[in-house]
N, C-alpha and C. Protein backbone atom coordinates (compact mmCIF):
# COMPACT_ATOMS: atom_id res chain seq x y z
N UNK A 1 0.70 -1.12 -0.06
CA UNK A 1 -0.15 -0.05 0.00
C UNK A 1 0.93 1.28 0.08
N UNK A 2 0.65 2.10 -0.99
CA UNK A 2 1.20 3.23 -1.08
C UNK A 2 1.06 4.37 -0.10
N UNK A 3 2.07 5.01 0.63
CA UNK A 3 1.57 5.93 1.67
C UNK A 3 1.79 7.47 1.08
N UNK A 4 0.81 8.15 1.10
CA UNK A 4 0.75 9.44 0.49
C UNK A 4 0.35 10.62 1.56
N UNK A 5 1.07 11.58 1.41
CA UNK A 5 0.61 12.71 2.24
C UNK A 5 -0.43 13.62 1.35
N UNK A 6 -1.32 14.17 2.10
CA UNK A 6 -2.21 14.98 1.42
C UNK A 6 -2.21 16.41 2.33
N UNK A 7 -1.74 17.45 1.75
CA UNK A 7 -1.44 18.56 2.39
C UNK A 7 -2.49 19.72 1.83
N UNK A 8 -3.15 20.49 2.76
CA UNK A 8 -4.22 21.26 2.45
C UNK A 8 -3.78 22.67 3.05
N UNK A 9 -4.04 23.64 2.10
CA UNK A 9 -3.56 25.09 2.49
C UNK A 9 -4.83 25.79 2.52
N UNK A 10 -4.60 27.01 2.93
CA UNK A 10 -5.89 27.85 3.19
C UNK A 10 -6.52 28.43 2.04
N UNK A 11 -7.06 27.88 0.93
CA UNK A 11 -7.84 28.24 0.18
C UNK A 11 -9.32 27.67 0.54
N UNK A 12 -9.83 28.39 1.39
CA UNK A 12 -11.02 28.00 2.06
C UNK A 12 -12.11 27.69 1.05
N UNK A 13 -12.26 28.48 0.02
CA UNK A 13 -13.38 28.10 -0.93
C UNK A 13 -13.16 26.88 -1.64
N UNK A 14 -12.03 26.36 -1.71
CA UNK A 14 -11.73 25.06 -2.48
C UNK A 14 -11.71 23.81 -1.68
N UNK A 15 -11.74 23.96 -0.32
CA UNK A 15 -11.53 22.80 0.49
C UNK A 15 -12.59 21.64 0.28
N UNK A 16 -13.83 22.12 -0.03
CA UNK A 16 -14.91 21.16 -0.13
C UNK A 16 -14.76 20.37 -1.62
N UNK A 17 -13.94 21.14 -2.36
CA UNK A 17 -13.74 20.28 -3.50
C UNK A 17 -12.57 19.16 -3.71
N UNK A 18 -11.87 19.20 -2.50
CA UNK A 18 -10.81 18.18 -2.45
C UNK A 18 -11.35 17.01 -1.57
N UNK A 19 -12.23 17.42 -0.55
CA UNK A 19 -12.79 16.33 0.18
C UNK A 19 -13.27 15.02 -0.50
N UNK A 20 -13.98 15.13 -1.67
CA UNK A 20 -14.27 13.96 -2.38
C UNK A 20 -13.22 13.16 -3.04
N UNK A 21 -12.03 13.94 -3.22
CA UNK A 21 -10.93 13.24 -3.76
C UNK A 21 -10.09 12.55 -2.60
N UNK A 22 -10.33 13.05 -1.34
CA UNK A 22 -9.68 12.16 -0.39
C UNK A 22 -10.41 10.75 -0.21
N UNK A 23 -11.68 10.86 -0.49
CA UNK A 23 -12.56 9.48 -0.35
C UNK A 23 -11.81 8.69 -1.41
N UNK A 24 -11.90 9.23 -2.62
CA UNK A 24 -11.33 8.42 -3.85
C UNK A 24 -10.05 7.78 -3.52
N UNK A 25 -9.15 8.57 -3.18
CA UNK A 25 -7.79 8.05 -2.78
C UNK A 25 -7.82 6.92 -1.79
N UNK A 26 -8.73 6.98 -0.71
CA UNK A 26 -8.71 5.88 0.17
C UNK A 26 -9.39 4.79 -0.43
N UNK A 27 -10.42 4.90 -1.30
CA UNK A 27 -11.11 3.66 -1.93
C UNK A 27 -10.28 3.06 -2.92
N UNK A 28 -9.21 3.66 -3.68
CA UNK A 28 -8.36 3.00 -4.46
C UNK A 28 -7.11 2.30 -3.75
N UNK A 29 -7.04 2.52 -2.42
CA UNK A 29 -6.13 1.74 -1.58
C UNK A 29 -4.85 2.53 -1.01
N UNK A 30 -4.94 3.98 -1.10
CA UNK A 30 -3.77 4.64 -0.66
C UNK A 30 -4.00 4.85 0.86
N UNK A 31 -2.80 4.80 1.59
CA UNK A 31 -2.98 5.12 3.05
C UNK A 31 -2.54 6.61 2.89
N UNK A 32 -3.51 7.57 3.18
CA UNK A 32 -3.57 8.92 3.20
C UNK A 32 -3.18 9.52 4.49
N UNK A 33 -2.17 10.18 4.60
CA UNK A 33 -1.92 11.02 5.66
C UNK A 33 -2.15 12.50 5.59
N UNK A 34 -3.05 13.03 6.47
CA UNK A 34 -3.50 14.52 6.23
C UNK A 34 -2.60 15.48 6.94
N UNK A 35 -2.19 16.60 6.25
CA UNK A 35 -1.28 17.64 6.80
C UNK A 35 -2.03 18.81 6.24
N UNK A 36 -2.13 19.81 7.20
CA UNK A 36 -2.82 21.12 6.85
C UNK A 36 -1.91 22.39 7.39
N UNK A 37 -2.12 23.34 6.62
CA UNK A 37 -1.65 24.75 7.24
C UNK A 37 -2.54 25.07 8.29
N UNK A 38 -1.87 25.74 9.36
CA UNK A 38 -2.56 25.92 10.68
C UNK A 38 -3.90 26.62 10.53
N UNK A 39 -4.09 27.56 9.44
CA UNK A 39 -5.33 28.14 9.24
C UNK A 39 -6.47 27.56 8.86
N UNK A 40 -6.16 26.21 8.37
CA UNK A 40 -7.34 25.35 7.86
C UNK A 40 -8.29 25.02 9.02
N UNK A 41 -7.63 24.55 10.16
CA UNK A 41 -8.26 24.00 11.20
C UNK A 41 -8.48 25.07 12.37
N UNK A 42 -7.82 26.13 12.26
CA UNK A 42 -7.97 27.04 13.46
C UNK A 42 -8.86 28.32 13.06
N UNK A 43 -9.19 28.38 11.76
CA UNK A 43 -10.11 29.62 11.41
C UNK A 43 -11.47 29.16 11.02
N UNK A 44 -12.44 29.89 11.23
CA UNK A 44 -13.70 29.62 10.81
C UNK A 44 -14.11 30.87 9.73
N UNK A 45 -14.49 30.44 8.60
CA UNK A 45 -14.90 31.50 7.43
C UNK A 45 -16.04 31.29 7.01
N UNK A 46 -16.56 32.07 6.03
CA UNK A 46 -18.10 31.86 5.44
C UNK A 46 -18.07 30.47 4.59
N UNK A 47 -16.96 30.00 4.39
CA UNK A 47 -16.75 28.67 3.81
C UNK A 47 -16.91 27.44 4.58
N UNK A 48 -16.67 27.69 5.98
CA UNK A 48 -16.78 26.62 6.82
C UNK A 48 -15.91 26.75 8.07
N UNK A 49 -16.13 25.87 8.99
CA UNK A 49 -15.82 25.97 10.30
C UNK A 49 -14.49 25.09 10.25
N UNK A 50 -13.44 25.55 11.13
CA UNK A 50 -12.05 24.75 11.00
C UNK A 50 -12.35 23.52 11.70
N UNK A 51 -13.08 23.37 12.82
CA UNK A 51 -13.11 22.28 13.47
C UNK A 51 -14.05 21.09 12.58
N UNK A 52 -14.98 21.56 11.87
CA UNK A 52 -15.52 20.65 11.06
C UNK A 52 -14.73 20.03 9.84
N UNK A 53 -13.91 21.00 9.32
CA UNK A 53 -12.95 20.54 8.48
C UNK A 53 -12.04 19.21 9.02
N UNK A 54 -11.52 19.77 10.06
CA UNK A 54 -10.77 18.73 10.87
C UNK A 54 -11.37 17.42 11.22
N UNK A 55 -12.65 17.30 11.51
CA UNK A 55 -13.23 16.12 11.96
C UNK A 55 -13.51 15.52 10.61
N UNK A 56 -13.95 16.03 9.43
CA UNK A 56 -14.16 15.33 8.07
C UNK A 56 -12.88 14.70 7.61
N UNK A 57 -11.77 15.47 7.68
CA UNK A 57 -10.62 15.05 7.25
C UNK A 57 -9.89 13.80 7.85
N UNK A 58 -9.94 14.07 9.30
CA UNK A 58 -9.49 12.59 10.11
C UNK A 58 -10.45 11.57 9.92
N UNK A 59 -11.70 11.75 9.83
CA UNK A 59 -12.78 10.63 9.57
C UNK A 59 -12.39 9.96 8.22
N UNK A 60 -12.22 10.80 7.14
CA UNK A 60 -12.06 10.20 5.87
C UNK A 60 -10.69 9.46 5.86
N UNK A 61 -9.72 10.00 6.34
CA UNK A 61 -8.30 9.33 6.21
C UNK A 61 -8.02 8.24 7.23
N UNK A 62 -8.63 8.49 8.35
CA UNK A 62 -8.40 7.55 9.51
C UNK A 62 -7.21 7.94 10.19
N UNK A 63 -6.46 9.11 10.08
CA UNK A 63 -5.44 9.54 10.65
C UNK A 63 -5.52 10.85 11.52
N UNK A 64 -4.87 11.12 12.54
CA UNK A 64 -4.77 12.48 13.10
C UNK A 64 -4.13 13.38 12.14
N UNK A 65 -4.64 14.68 12.06
CA UNK A 65 -3.98 15.63 11.19
C UNK A 65 -2.61 16.09 11.80
N UNK A 66 -1.55 16.09 10.73
CA UNK A 66 -0.53 16.90 11.01
C UNK A 66 -0.59 18.28 10.82
N UNK A 67 -0.40 19.12 11.80
CA UNK A 67 -0.51 20.52 11.93
C UNK A 67 0.54 21.37 12.43
N UNK A 68 1.78 20.84 12.58
CA UNK A 68 2.79 21.68 13.02
C UNK A 68 4.01 21.44 12.36
N UNK A 69 4.94 22.29 12.17
CA UNK A 69 6.23 22.30 11.44
C UNK A 69 7.07 21.05 12.25
N UNK A 70 7.07 20.76 13.43
CA UNK A 70 7.70 19.85 14.12
C UNK A 70 7.20 18.48 13.79
N UNK A 71 5.92 18.27 13.59
CA UNK A 71 5.23 16.96 13.26
C UNK A 71 5.63 16.93 11.68
N UNK A 72 5.50 17.71 10.80
CA UNK A 72 5.76 17.68 9.46
C UNK A 72 7.32 17.22 9.03
N UNK A 73 8.34 17.72 10.05
CA UNK A 73 9.56 17.42 9.60
C UNK A 73 9.93 16.06 9.61
N UNK A 74 9.13 15.12 10.32
CA UNK A 74 9.28 13.61 10.43
C UNK A 74 9.31 13.09 8.88
N UNK A 75 8.77 13.82 7.83
CA UNK A 75 8.53 13.14 6.56
C UNK A 75 9.95 13.05 5.80
N UNK A 76 10.76 13.73 6.35
CA UNK A 76 12.13 13.44 5.81
C UNK A 76 13.06 12.34 6.45
N UNK A 77 13.24 12.42 7.54
CA UNK A 77 14.29 11.31 8.14
C UNK A 77 13.56 10.03 8.48
N UNK A 78 12.21 10.26 9.33
CA UNK A 78 11.54 9.15 9.84
C UNK A 78 10.50 8.41 8.95
N UNK A 79 9.66 9.32 8.30
CA UNK A 79 8.54 8.53 7.64
C UNK A 79 8.67 8.95 6.11
N UNK A 80 8.98 8.04 5.21
CA UNK A 80 9.10 8.40 3.88
C UNK A 80 7.77 8.19 3.18
N UNK A 81 7.25 9.41 2.42
CA UNK A 81 5.99 9.23 1.56
C UNK A 81 6.37 8.88 0.48
N UNK A 82 5.64 7.98 -0.20
CA UNK A 82 5.69 7.66 -1.63
C UNK A 82 5.35 9.08 -2.66
N UNK A 83 4.54 9.77 -2.22
CA UNK A 83 4.10 10.96 -2.80
C UNK A 83 3.35 11.98 -1.83
N UNK A 84 3.62 13.20 -2.15
CA UNK A 84 2.61 14.19 -1.50
C UNK A 84 1.91 15.20 -2.40
N UNK A 85 0.66 15.18 -1.98
CA UNK A 85 -0.27 16.16 -2.63
C UNK A 85 -0.44 17.47 -1.83
N UNK A 86 -0.31 18.54 -2.62
CA UNK A 86 -0.80 19.74 -1.90
C UNK A 86 -1.79 20.34 -2.69
N UNK A 87 -3.08 20.35 -2.16
CA UNK A 87 -4.44 20.67 -2.82
C UNK A 87 -5.30 21.05 -1.68
N UNK A 88 -5.98 22.33 -1.81
CA UNK A 88 -5.58 23.27 -2.66
C UNK A 88 -4.26 23.94 -2.39
N UNK A 89 -3.52 24.36 -3.30
CA UNK A 89 -2.27 24.96 -2.92
C UNK A 89 -2.33 26.64 -3.34
N UNK A 90 -2.30 27.28 -2.34
CA UNK A 90 -2.69 28.86 -2.45
C UNK A 90 -1.28 29.39 -3.23
N UNK A 91 -1.62 30.70 -3.64
CA UNK A 91 -0.45 31.35 -4.23
C UNK A 91 0.71 31.57 -3.21
N UNK A 92 0.21 31.84 -1.93
CA UNK A 92 1.30 31.96 -1.06
C UNK A 92 2.07 30.78 -0.67
N UNK A 93 1.51 29.47 -0.84
CA UNK A 93 2.33 28.35 -0.65
C UNK A 93 3.31 28.41 -1.96
N UNK A 94 2.79 28.64 -3.16
CA UNK A 94 3.39 28.44 -4.27
C UNK A 94 4.70 29.41 -4.24
N UNK A 95 4.53 30.56 -3.83
CA UNK A 95 5.57 31.47 -3.84
C UNK A 95 6.54 31.17 -2.85
N UNK A 96 6.11 30.53 -1.63
CA UNK A 96 7.22 30.11 -0.82
C UNK A 96 7.98 28.92 -1.27
N UNK A 97 7.28 28.03 -1.82
CA UNK A 97 7.95 26.78 -2.42
C UNK A 97 9.08 27.25 -3.51
N UNK A 98 8.49 28.05 -4.37
CA UNK A 98 9.27 28.47 -5.47
C UNK A 98 10.63 29.32 -5.09
N UNK A 99 10.48 29.74 -3.88
CA UNK A 99 11.62 30.58 -3.46
C UNK A 99 12.40 29.97 -2.12
N UNK A 100 12.05 28.66 -1.75
CA UNK A 100 12.74 27.88 -0.72
C UNK A 100 12.40 28.56 0.70
N UNK A 101 11.26 28.78 0.78
CA UNK A 101 10.96 29.38 2.17
C UNK A 101 10.19 28.16 2.95
N UNK A 102 10.63 27.74 3.96
CA UNK A 102 9.99 26.86 4.95
C UNK A 102 9.57 27.22 6.18
N UNK A 103 8.36 27.87 6.36
CA UNK A 103 8.00 28.36 7.52
C UNK A 103 6.62 28.00 7.98
N UNK A 104 5.95 26.94 7.27
CA UNK A 104 4.68 26.50 7.71
C UNK A 104 4.75 24.96 7.81
N UNK A 105 3.64 24.37 8.24
CA UNK A 105 3.53 22.95 8.21
C UNK A 105 3.65 22.28 6.79
N UNK A 106 2.86 22.91 5.83
CA UNK A 106 2.83 22.32 4.57
C UNK A 106 4.13 22.43 3.69
N UNK A 107 4.85 23.80 3.98
CA UNK A 107 6.20 23.91 3.29
C UNK A 107 7.13 22.96 3.84
N UNK A 108 7.14 22.66 5.18
CA UNK A 108 8.04 21.75 5.76
C UNK A 108 7.84 20.45 5.10
N UNK A 109 6.58 19.93 5.08
CA UNK A 109 6.31 18.57 4.69
C UNK A 109 6.66 18.42 3.24
N UNK A 110 6.50 19.63 2.39
CA UNK A 110 6.98 19.49 1.13
C UNK A 110 8.44 19.44 0.96
N UNK A 111 9.15 20.09 1.86
CA UNK A 111 10.73 20.09 1.68
C UNK A 111 11.19 18.76 2.11
N UNK A 112 10.66 18.21 3.04
CA UNK A 112 11.24 16.83 3.64
C UNK A 112 10.78 15.81 2.56
N UNK A 113 9.75 16.03 1.92
CA UNK A 113 9.31 14.85 0.80
C UNK A 113 10.20 15.03 -0.37
N UNK A 114 10.53 16.23 -0.83
CA UNK A 114 11.32 16.42 -1.92
C UNK A 114 12.79 16.00 -1.47
N UNK A 115 13.09 16.05 -0.39
CA UNK A 115 14.54 15.83 0.28
C UNK A 115 14.65 14.15 -0.04
N UNK A 116 13.58 13.47 0.19
CA UNK A 116 13.52 11.96 -0.25
C UNK A 116 13.72 11.76 -1.65
N UNK A 117 13.36 12.64 -2.38
CA UNK A 117 13.24 12.23 -3.77
C UNK A 117 11.72 11.83 -4.31
N UNK A 118 10.81 12.11 -3.34
CA UNK A 118 9.46 11.62 -3.77
C UNK A 118 8.75 12.75 -4.53
N UNK A 119 7.87 12.48 -5.40
CA UNK A 119 7.04 13.50 -6.16
C UNK A 119 6.11 14.14 -5.28
N UNK A 120 5.94 15.44 -5.75
CA UNK A 120 4.93 16.41 -5.08
C UNK A 120 3.86 16.64 -6.22
N UNK A 121 2.63 16.59 -5.87
CA UNK A 121 1.58 16.95 -6.81
C UNK A 121 0.99 18.12 -6.29
N UNK A 122 0.87 19.07 -7.02
CA UNK A 122 0.23 20.56 -6.71
C UNK A 122 -1.18 20.56 -7.44
N UNK A 123 -2.05 21.08 -6.70
CA UNK A 123 -3.49 21.49 -7.13
C UNK A 123 -3.57 22.83 -6.85
N UNK A 124 -3.33 23.59 -7.91
CA UNK A 124 -3.32 25.01 -7.60
C UNK A 124 -4.59 25.70 -7.33
N UNK A 125 -4.80 26.71 -6.60
CA UNK A 125 -5.95 27.53 -6.30
C UNK A 125 -5.53 28.95 -5.89
N UNK A 126 -5.47 29.86 -6.82
CA UNK A 126 -4.90 31.12 -6.61
C UNK A 126 -5.66 32.07 -7.39
N UNK A 127 -5.64 33.35 -6.76
CA UNK A 127 -6.17 34.57 -7.47
C UNK A 127 -5.33 35.26 -8.31
N UNK A 128 -3.93 35.07 -8.23
CA UNK A 128 -2.88 35.77 -8.82
C UNK A 128 -1.98 34.93 -9.67
N UNK A 129 -2.52 33.74 -10.15
CA UNK A 129 -1.65 32.83 -10.92
C UNK A 129 -1.14 33.41 -12.45
N UNK A 130 -1.91 34.27 -12.74
CA UNK A 130 -1.60 34.95 -14.14
C UNK A 130 -1.23 36.42 -13.79
N UNK A 131 -0.89 36.59 -12.49
CA UNK A 131 -0.25 37.99 -11.95
C UNK A 131 1.02 37.71 -11.41
N UNK A 132 1.13 38.20 -10.31
CA UNK A 132 2.44 38.27 -9.43
C UNK A 132 2.97 36.71 -9.63
N UNK A 133 2.15 35.83 -9.34
CA UNK A 133 2.48 34.43 -9.06
C UNK A 133 2.86 33.58 -10.10
N UNK A 134 2.59 34.17 -11.52
CA UNK A 134 2.85 33.43 -12.66
C UNK A 134 4.32 32.93 -12.77
N UNK A 135 5.31 33.84 -12.53
CA UNK A 135 6.75 33.46 -12.44
C UNK A 135 7.03 32.35 -11.46
N UNK A 136 6.48 32.32 -10.36
CA UNK A 136 6.64 31.15 -9.36
C UNK A 136 6.08 29.69 -9.95
N UNK A 137 4.92 29.95 -10.64
CA UNK A 137 4.24 28.62 -11.22
C UNK A 137 5.28 28.27 -12.30
N UNK A 138 5.73 28.83 -13.18
CA UNK A 138 6.59 28.80 -14.22
C UNK A 138 7.93 28.21 -13.66
N UNK A 139 8.38 28.58 -12.55
CA UNK A 139 9.49 28.05 -12.01
C UNK A 139 9.35 26.51 -11.56
N UNK A 140 8.23 26.31 -10.73
CA UNK A 140 7.85 24.99 -10.47
C UNK A 140 7.47 23.96 -11.56
N UNK A 141 7.02 24.55 -12.59
CA UNK A 141 6.78 23.63 -13.66
C UNK A 141 8.02 22.99 -14.17
N UNK A 142 9.13 23.79 -14.02
CA UNK A 142 10.49 23.28 -14.40
C UNK A 142 11.21 22.71 -13.16
N UNK A 143 10.73 22.20 -12.20
CA UNK A 143 11.42 21.79 -11.12
C UNK A 143 11.31 20.22 -10.96
N UNK A 144 12.28 19.49 -10.78
CA UNK A 144 12.30 18.20 -10.63
C UNK A 144 11.39 17.67 -9.53
N UNK A 145 10.75 16.66 -9.83
CA UNK A 145 9.83 15.99 -8.86
C UNK A 145 8.51 16.78 -8.43
N UNK A 146 8.17 17.86 -9.24
CA UNK A 146 6.97 18.63 -8.93
C UNK A 146 6.05 18.54 -10.20
N UNK A 147 4.78 18.18 -9.97
CA UNK A 147 3.79 17.82 -10.97
C UNK A 147 2.57 18.67 -10.55
N UNK A 148 1.98 19.17 -11.60
CA UNK A 148 0.71 19.79 -11.32
C UNK A 148 -0.45 19.18 -11.88
N UNK A 149 -1.67 19.18 -11.15
CA UNK A 149 -2.90 18.84 -11.73
C UNK A 149 -3.28 19.88 -12.82
N UNK A 150 -3.75 19.49 -13.81
CA UNK A 150 -4.11 20.30 -14.90
C UNK A 150 -5.07 21.47 -14.14
N UNK A 151 -4.72 22.85 -14.78
CA UNK A 151 -5.32 23.73 -14.15
C UNK A 151 -5.82 24.83 -15.43
N UNK A 152 -6.79 25.66 -14.82
CA UNK A 152 -7.07 26.73 -15.91
C UNK A 152 -7.76 27.79 -15.26
N UNK A 153 -8.45 28.87 -16.16
CA UNK A 153 -8.95 29.97 -15.56
C UNK A 153 -10.40 29.50 -15.35
N UNK A 154 -10.95 29.73 -14.03
CA UNK A 154 -12.11 29.22 -13.69
C UNK A 154 -13.30 30.51 -13.79
N UNK A 155 -12.80 31.69 -13.64
CA UNK A 155 -13.69 32.75 -13.77
C UNK A 155 -12.97 33.92 -14.37
N UNK A 156 -12.58 34.03 -15.80
CA UNK A 156 -11.87 35.01 -16.21
C UNK A 156 -12.50 36.31 -16.32
N UNK A 157 -13.97 36.44 -16.18
CA UNK A 157 -14.51 37.76 -16.32
C UNK A 157 -14.45 38.59 -14.95
N UNK A 158 -14.65 37.93 -14.05
CA UNK A 158 -14.44 38.67 -12.69
C UNK A 158 -13.15 38.69 -11.73
N UNK A 159 -12.48 37.46 -12.23
CA UNK A 159 -10.95 37.22 -11.63
C UNK A 159 -10.11 36.76 -12.87
N UNK A 160 -9.54 37.71 -13.61
CA UNK A 160 -8.85 37.39 -14.78
C UNK A 160 -7.54 36.61 -14.66
N UNK A 161 -6.96 36.60 -13.31
CA UNK A 161 -5.78 36.29 -12.97
C UNK A 161 -5.72 34.88 -12.21
N UNK A 162 -7.02 34.54 -11.92
CA UNK A 162 -7.26 33.26 -11.07
C UNK A 162 -7.04 32.16 -11.85
N UNK A 163 -6.51 31.14 -11.23
CA UNK A 163 -6.24 29.83 -11.77
C UNK A 163 -6.78 28.67 -10.78
N UNK A 164 -7.21 27.60 -11.10
CA UNK A 164 -7.77 26.66 -10.30
C UNK A 164 -7.51 25.14 -11.07
N UNK A 165 -7.09 24.21 -9.97
CA UNK A 165 -6.91 22.98 -10.73
C UNK A 165 -8.23 22.36 -11.07
N UNK A 166 -8.17 21.16 -11.79
CA UNK A 166 -9.30 20.52 -12.24
C UNK A 166 -9.08 19.27 -11.37
N UNK A 167 -9.71 19.37 -10.03
CA UNK A 167 -9.42 18.31 -9.02
C UNK A 167 -9.83 16.97 -9.17
N UNK A 168 -10.76 16.88 -10.20
CA UNK A 168 -11.35 15.61 -10.60
C UNK A 168 -10.47 14.68 -11.48
N UNK A 169 -9.19 15.40 -11.89
CA UNK A 169 -7.99 14.78 -12.38
C UNK A 169 -6.84 14.46 -11.46
N UNK A 170 -7.19 14.50 -10.12
CA UNK A 170 -6.11 14.26 -9.13
C UNK A 170 -5.51 12.85 -9.23
N UNK A 171 -6.47 11.90 -9.29
CA UNK A 171 -5.94 10.54 -9.22
C UNK A 171 -5.05 10.05 -10.55
N UNK A 172 -5.54 10.65 -11.65
CA UNK A 172 -4.87 10.49 -12.87
C UNK A 172 -3.34 11.24 -12.87
N UNK A 173 -3.37 12.23 -12.17
CA UNK A 173 -2.15 13.17 -11.97
C UNK A 173 -1.15 12.38 -11.15
N UNK A 174 -1.70 11.80 -10.04
CA UNK A 174 -0.80 10.91 -9.06
C UNK A 174 -0.38 9.71 -9.74
N UNK A 175 -1.11 9.00 -10.64
CA UNK A 175 -0.61 7.73 -11.34
C UNK A 175 0.54 8.13 -12.35
N UNK A 176 0.56 9.37 -12.94
CA UNK A 176 1.55 9.68 -13.93
C UNK A 176 2.77 10.18 -13.05
N UNK A 177 2.49 10.95 -11.92
CA UNK A 177 3.71 11.44 -11.13
C UNK A 177 4.51 10.23 -10.44
N UNK A 178 3.75 9.24 -10.22
CA UNK A 178 4.47 7.92 -9.59
C UNK A 178 5.50 7.39 -10.54
N UNK A 179 5.10 7.57 -11.84
CA UNK A 179 5.87 7.19 -13.04
C UNK A 179 6.88 8.36 -13.46
N UNK A 180 6.95 9.31 -12.64
CA UNK A 180 7.65 10.61 -12.87
C UNK A 180 7.49 11.26 -14.23
N UNK A 181 6.09 11.31 -14.47
CA UNK A 181 5.52 11.97 -15.68
C UNK A 181 4.55 13.08 -15.40
N UNK A 182 4.58 14.14 -16.17
CA UNK A 182 3.55 15.05 -15.92
C UNK A 182 2.34 14.91 -16.68
N UNK A 183 1.17 14.78 -16.28
CA UNK A 183 -0.12 14.57 -16.90
C UNK A 183 -0.30 15.64 -17.92
N UNK A 184 -0.83 15.39 -19.22
CA UNK A 184 -1.03 16.38 -20.28
C UNK A 184 -2.38 16.30 -20.61
N UNK A 185 -2.91 17.57 -21.13
CA UNK A 185 -2.33 18.83 -21.11
C UNK A 185 -2.25 19.45 -19.59
N UNK A 186 -1.38 20.32 -19.21
CA UNK A 186 -1.34 20.75 -18.04
C UNK A 186 -2.27 22.01 -17.94
N UNK A 187 -2.51 22.82 -19.11
CA UNK A 187 -3.44 23.73 -19.12
C UNK A 187 -4.71 23.36 -19.67
N UNK A 188 -5.80 23.50 -19.04
CA UNK A 188 -7.16 22.95 -19.60
C UNK A 188 -8.12 23.90 -19.05
N UNK A 189 -8.90 24.23 -20.03
CA UNK A 189 -9.90 25.26 -20.00
C UNK A 189 -11.27 24.76 -19.10
N UNK A 190 -11.69 25.59 -18.36
CA UNK A 190 -12.84 25.06 -17.55
C UNK A 190 -14.13 25.09 -18.27
N UNK A 191 -14.49 26.20 -19.05
CA UNK A 191 -15.68 26.12 -19.76
C UNK A 191 -15.26 26.74 -21.20
N UNK A 192 -16.13 26.53 -22.24
CA UNK A 192 -15.78 27.04 -23.58
C UNK A 192 -16.14 28.54 -23.41
N UNK A 193 -15.17 29.22 -23.98
CA UNK A 193 -15.38 30.69 -23.91
C UNK A 193 -15.88 31.28 -25.22
N UNK A 194 -16.93 32.13 -25.10
CA UNK A 194 -17.41 32.71 -26.29
C UNK A 194 -16.77 33.99 -26.53
N UNK A 195 -16.16 34.14 -27.82
CA UNK A 195 -15.45 35.30 -28.16
C UNK A 195 -16.65 36.43 -28.62
N UNK A 196 -16.60 37.56 -28.06
CA UNK A 196 -17.74 38.80 -28.17
C UNK A 196 -17.10 39.47 -29.42
C-alpha cells in the first residue's frame, strides 16, 4: 500500500472540492496522511468551520492531522512518503515553495518529501496565478519531482488572474507522477469561452 501525504492550504473556498478526492484516494487503496496549514483548522470562515474540516478530514483518512512544523519534519528522516499532494495550493504556498521558504507545516512537509526524492503533486488555487505568481508557477513547472494537476482559468470575467486545478483529475495526475511524468495537457480550460 502506497503512503501518500495530502496537504491542504488555506484556500477555504476550495476545500470542499478536495474532500471527495480524499475519499477516492482511500477507496483505491492509498494510506492517506492528512497535513494542513494551521489556518485550515484554526479559522472559521464563510466557507466553513475549522473544527468541521478537521473532523471530516480525520474521519475520511483515519489519521490524526499533522498541523505543526515539528510534526511535518518527520516526513524527511523518519517517515518516507511515496508522494505528497498539496491541494488546494494557494499562491502564498506556491511563492514560498518556489523561493525555498520553509515556515509552515505544509512547506516543511513538502521540503522533507522532496529531500527524499518523492514526487509532489500540486493542485493550484490562486487569484494571482496569471499575475504576480505567474513566475513562481513557471519556476515550479520546471522543477524536478514537482507535478501539477491540470489547471485553468475558472472565472476569467471577474477574476482574470485566477487559476484553479481540475481536482477531478487528481488520481490520474498521481498515477503519472508516480511514474515521474507530468499529466498532459497541463493547461485545460474550464468552460468554452465565447468570443464577443
